[in-house]
């Protein structure tokens, strides 16, 4: 297919060309986390508005159910991961940790720390711990 390419501009790389690595995953997760945080904060704002107007939380049964705990976990994971990604960008701005092996290790640590912290906070909020 590349031999038939007659445009002077280079072809965009495809996922079949690039090998998946942790830094790529953390970049995608960072973008997804931003979307999740925006949606979650809009829901929190609407819930607080409804609480202020009516004096009770909308869908209170759903919020305090296992499905609500899962939603809290996802929101907390996204929020914590975004914070750690911003910290990673601050480290990169200093010119540190740019080596691919260190970058991939930092991506693994970010993902693991986000899952663990989100799980701990969710368990505490749900009253399990």
C-alpha atoms as a PDB file:
ATOM      1  CA  UNK A   1       0.000   0.000   0.000  1.00  0.00           C
ATOM      2  CA  UNK A   2       2.868   2.374   0.731  1.00  0.00           C
ATOM      3  CA  UNK A   3       4.186   1.884  -2.805  1.00  0.00           C
ATOM      4  CA  UNK A   4       0.913   3.326  -4.177  1.00  0.00           C
ATOM      5  CA  UNK A   5       1.162   6.439  -2.019  1.00  0.00           C
ATOM      6  CA  UNK A   6       1.672   9.381  -4.384  1.00  0.00           C
ATOM      7  CA  UNK A   7       1.199  12.229  -1.926  1.00  0.00           C
ATOM      8  CA  UNK A   8       4.400  14.016  -0.909  1.00  0.00           C
ATOM      9  CA  UNK A   9       3.245  14.159   2.703  1.00  0.00           C
ATOM     10  CA  UNK A  10       4.020  11.129   4.883  1.00  0.00           C
ATOM     11  CA  UNK A  11       1.311   8.625   5.740  1.00  0.00           C
ATOM     12  CA  UNK A  12      -0.020   8.782   9.275  1.00  0.00           C
ATOM     13  CA  UNK A  13       1.204   5.856  11.385  1.00  0.00           C
ATOM     14  CA  UNK A  14      -1.415   3.267  12.204  1.00  0.00           C
ATOM     15  CA  UNK A  15      -1.810   1.178  15.326  1.00  0.00           C
ATOM     16  CA  UNK A  16      -0.534  -1.835  13.396  1.00  0.00           C
ATOM     17  CA  UNK A  17       2.781  -0.042  12.943  1.00  0.00           C
ATOM     18  CA  UNK A  18       3.197   1.214  16.497  1.00  0.00           C
ATOM     19  CA  UNK A  19       3.763  -1.254  19.315  1.00  0.00           C
ATOM     20  CA  UNK A  20       1.612  -0.598  22.383  1.00  0.00           C
ATOM     21  CA  UNK A  21       3.564   0.587  25.414  1.00  0.00           C
ATOM     22  CA  UNK A  22       2.636   1.955  28.853  1.00  0.00           C
ATOM     23  CA  UNK A  23       3.304   5.604  27.983  1.00  0.00           C
ATOM     24  CA  UNK A  24       0.842   5.326  25.079  1.00  0.00           C
ATOM     25  CA  UNK A  25      -1.753   3.805  27.411  1.00  0.00           C
ATOM     26  CA  UNK A  26      -1.262   6.539  29.995  1.00  0.00           C
ATOM     27  CA  UNK A  27      -1.635   9.204  27.302  1.00  0.00           C
ATOM     28  CA  UNK A  28      -4.950   7.708  26.204  1.00  0.00           C
ATOM     29  CA  UNK A  29      -6.074   7.309  29.824  1.00  0.00           C
ATOM     30  CA  UNK A  30      -5.221  10.957  30.472  1.00  0.00           C
ATOM     31  CA  UNK A  31      -7.561  12.065  27.698  1.00  0.00           C
ATOM     32  CA  UNK A  32     -10.314   9.695  28.837  1.00  0.00           C
ATOM     33  CA  UNK A  33      -9.854  10.857  32.437  1.00  0.00           C
ATOM     34  CA  UNK A  34     -10.426  14.457  31.416  1.00  0.00           C
ATOM     35  CA  UNK A  35     -13.727  13.515  29.778  1.00  0.00           C
ATOM     36  CA  UNK A  36     -14.804  11.448  32.809  1.00  0.00           C
ATOM     37  CA  UNK A  37     -13.916  14.285  35.193  1.00  0.00           C
ATOM     38  CA  UNK A  38     -15.900  16.839  33.186  1.00  0.00           C
ATOM     39  CA  UNK A  39     -18.956  14.572  33.090  1.00  0.00           C
ATOM     40  CA  UNK A  40     -18.611  13.735  36.793  1.00  0.00           C
ATOM     41  CA  UNK A  41     -18.251  17.361  37.851  1.00  0.00           C
ATOM     42  CA  UNK A  42     -21.284  18.367  35.792  1.00  0.00           C
ATOM     43  CA  UNK A  43     -23.294  15.622  37.532  1.00  0.00           C
ATOM     44  CA  UNK A  44     -22.061  16.765  40.952  1.00  0.00           C
ATOM     45  CA  UNK A  45     -22.986  20.372  40.145  1.00  0.00           C
ATOM     46  CA  UNK A  46     -26.474  19.375  38.989  1.00  0.00           C
ATOM     47  CA  UNK A  47     -26.919  17.216  42.091  1.00  0.00           C
ATOM     48  CA  UNK A  48     -25.894  20.087  44.363  1.00  0.00           C
ATOM     49  CA  UNK A  49     -28.257  22.406  42.520  1.00  0.00           C
ATOM     50  CA  UNK A  50     -31.114  19.934  42.988  1.00  0.00           C
ATOM     51  CA  UNK A  51     -30.169  19.528  46.652  1.00  0.00           C
ATOM     52  CA  UNK A  52     -30.239  23.285  47.142  1.00  0.00           C
ATOM     53  CA  UNK A  53     -33.614  23.643  45.416  1.00  0.00           C
ATOM     54  CA  UNK A  54     -35.455  20.610  46.808  1.00  0.00           C
ATOM     55  CA  UNK A  55     -33.601  19.746  50.002  1.00  0.00           C
ATOM     56  CA  UNK A  56     -32.903  16.153  48.980  1.00  0.00           C
ATOM     57  CA  UNK A  57     -30.508  14.351  46.702  1.00  0.00           C
ATOM     58  CA  UNK A  58     -31.893  13.146  43.378  1.00  0.00           C
ATOM     59  CA  UNK A  59     -31.691   9.370  42.901  1.00  0.00           C
ATOM     60  CA  UNK A  60     -30.372   8.895  46.436  1.00  0.00           C
ATOM     61  CA  UNK A  61     -30.895   5.130  46.264  1.00  0.00           C
ATOM     62  CA  UNK A  62     -28.719   4.859  43.179  1.00  0.00           C
ATOM     63  CA  UNK A  63     -25.955   7.002  44.636  1.00  0.00           C
ATOM     64  CA  UNK A  64     -25.592   4.783  47.710  1.00  0.00           C
ATOM     65  CA  UNK A  65     -25.847   1.485  45.829  1.00  0.00           C
ATOM     66  CA  UNK A  66     -23.037  -0.766  44.513  1.00  0.00           C
ATOM     67  CA  UNK A  67     -23.486   0.875  41.107  1.00  0.00           C
ATOM     68  CA  UNK A  68     -22.984   4.270  42.749  1.00  0.00           C
ATOM     69  CA  UNK A  69     -19.839   2.987  44.466  1.00  0.00           C
ATOM     70  CA  UNK A  70     -18.522   1.808  41.092  1.00  0.00           C
ATOM     71  CA  UNK A  71     -19.266   5.238  39.600  1.00  0.00           C
ATOM     72  CA  UNK A  72     -17.425   6.863  42.497  1.00  0.00           C
ATOM     73  CA  UNK A  73     -14.452   4.554  41.908  1.00  0.00           C
ATOM     74  CA  UNK A  74     -14.328   5.444  38.202  1.00  0.00           C
ATOM     75  CA  UNK A  75     -14.571   9.169  38.954  1.00  0.00           C
ATOM     76  CA  UNK A  76     -11.889   8.953  41.657  1.00  0.00           C
ATOM     77  CA  UNK A  77      -9.597   6.934  39.388  1.00  0.00           C
ATOM     78  CA  UNK A  78      -9.968   9.525  36.643  1.00  0.00           C
ATOM     79  CA  UNK A  79      -9.409  12.434  39.033  1.00  0.00           C
ATOM     80  CA  UNK A  80      -6.338  10.893  40.686  1.00  0.00           C
ATOM     81  CA  UNK A  81      -4.898   9.749  37.359  1.00  0.00           C
ATOM     82  CA  UNK A  82      -5.306  13.249  35.904  1.00  0.00           C
ATOM     83  CA  UNK A  83      -3.520  14.748  38.913  1.00  0.00           C
ATOM     84  CA  UNK A  84      -0.652  12.274  38.540  1.00  0.00           C
ATOM     85  CA  UNK A  85      -0.489  12.935  34.787  1.00  0.00           C
ATOM     86  CA  UNK A  86      -0.135  16.654  35.475  1.00  0.00           C
ATOM     87  CA  UNK A  87       2.666  15.853  37.904  1.00  0.00           C
ATOM     88  CA  UNK A  88       4.313  13.739  35.178  1.00  0.00           C
ATOM     89  CA  UNK A  89       4.080  16.668  32.756  1.00  0.00           C
ATOM     90  CA  UNK A  90       5.705  18.943  35.350  1.00  0.00           C
ATOM     91  CA  UNK A  91       8.536  16.408  35.661  1.00  0.00           C
ATOM     92  CA  UNK A  92       8.898  16.311  31.883  1.00  0.00           C
ATOM     93  CA  UNK A  93       8.991  20.115  31.770  1.00  0.00           C
ATOM     94  CA  UNK A  94      12.157  19.902  33.885  1.00  0.00           C
ATOM     95  CA  UNK A  95      13.632  17.523  31.294  1.00  0.00           C
ATOM     96  CA  UNK A  96      13.630  14.540  33.651  1.00  0.00           C
ATOM     97  CA  UNK A  97      12.318  10.978  33.138  1.00  0.00           C
ATOM     98  CA  UNK A  98      12.340  11.303  29.338  1.00  0.00           C
ATOM     99  CA  UNK A  99      14.089   7.948  28.866  1.00  0.00           C
ATOM    100  CA  UNK A 100      11.564   5.440  27.437  1.00  0.00           C
ATOM    101  CA  UNK A 101      12.213   2.857  30.165  1.00  0.00           C
ATOM    102  CA  UNK A 102      11.763   5.415  32.963  1.00  0.00           C
ATOM    103  CA  UNK A 103       8.724   6.867  31.205  1.00  0.00           C
ATOM    104  CA  UNK A 104       7.096   3.443  30.890  1.00  0.00           C
ATOM    105  CA  UNK A 105       7.870   2.652  34.538  1.00  0.00           C
ATOM    106  CA  UNK A 106       6.339   5.970  35.592  1.00  0.00           C
ATOM    107  CA  UNK A 107       3.226   5.135  33.551  1.00  0.00           C
ATOM    108  CA  UNK A 108       2.860   1.777  35.334  1.00  0.00           C
ATOM    109  CA  UNK A 109       3.259   3.483  38.723  1.00  0.00           C
ATOM    110  CA  UNK A 110       0.672   6.143  37.814  1.00  0.00           C
ATOM    111  CA  UNK A 111      -1.915   3.557  36.776  1.00  0.00           C
ATOM    112  CA  UNK A 112      -1.311   1.337  39.808  1.00  0.00           C
ATOM    113  CA  UNK A 113      -1.324   4.256  42.261  1.00  0.00           C
ATOM    114  CA  UNK A 114      -4.559   5.594  40.768  1.00  0.00           C
ATOM    115  CA  UNK A 115      -6.307   2.223  41.068  1.00  0.00           C
ATOM    116  CA  UNK A 116      -5.109   1.657  44.649  1.00  0.00           C
ATOM    117  CA  UNK A 117      -5.929   5.167  45.897  1.00  0.00           C
ATOM    118  CA  UNK A 118      -9.334   5.178  44.190  1.00  0.00           C
ATOM    119  CA  UNK A 119     -10.162   1.769  45.673  1.00  0.00           C
ATOM    120  CA  UNK A 120      -9.111   2.823  49.185  1.00  0.00           C
ATOM    121  CA  UNK A 121     -11.120   6.059  49.049  1.00  0.00           C
ATOM    122  CA  UNK A 122     -14.158   4.226  47.597  1.00  0.00           C
ATOM    123  CA  UNK A 123     -14.030   1.603  50.356  1.00  0.00           C
ATOM    124  CA  UNK A 124     -13.780   4.320  53.001  1.00  0.00           C
ATOM    125  CA  UNK A 125     -16.653   6.305  51.464  1.00  0.00           C
ATOM    126  CA  UNK A 126     -18.811   3.169  51.176  1.00  0.00           C
ATOM    127  CA  UNK A 127     -18.149   2.324  54.827  1.00  0.00           C
ATOM    128  CA  UNK A 128     -16.424  -0.987  54.046  1.00  0.00           C
ATOM    129  CA  UNK A 129     -13.214  -0.065  55.900  1.00  0.00           C
END
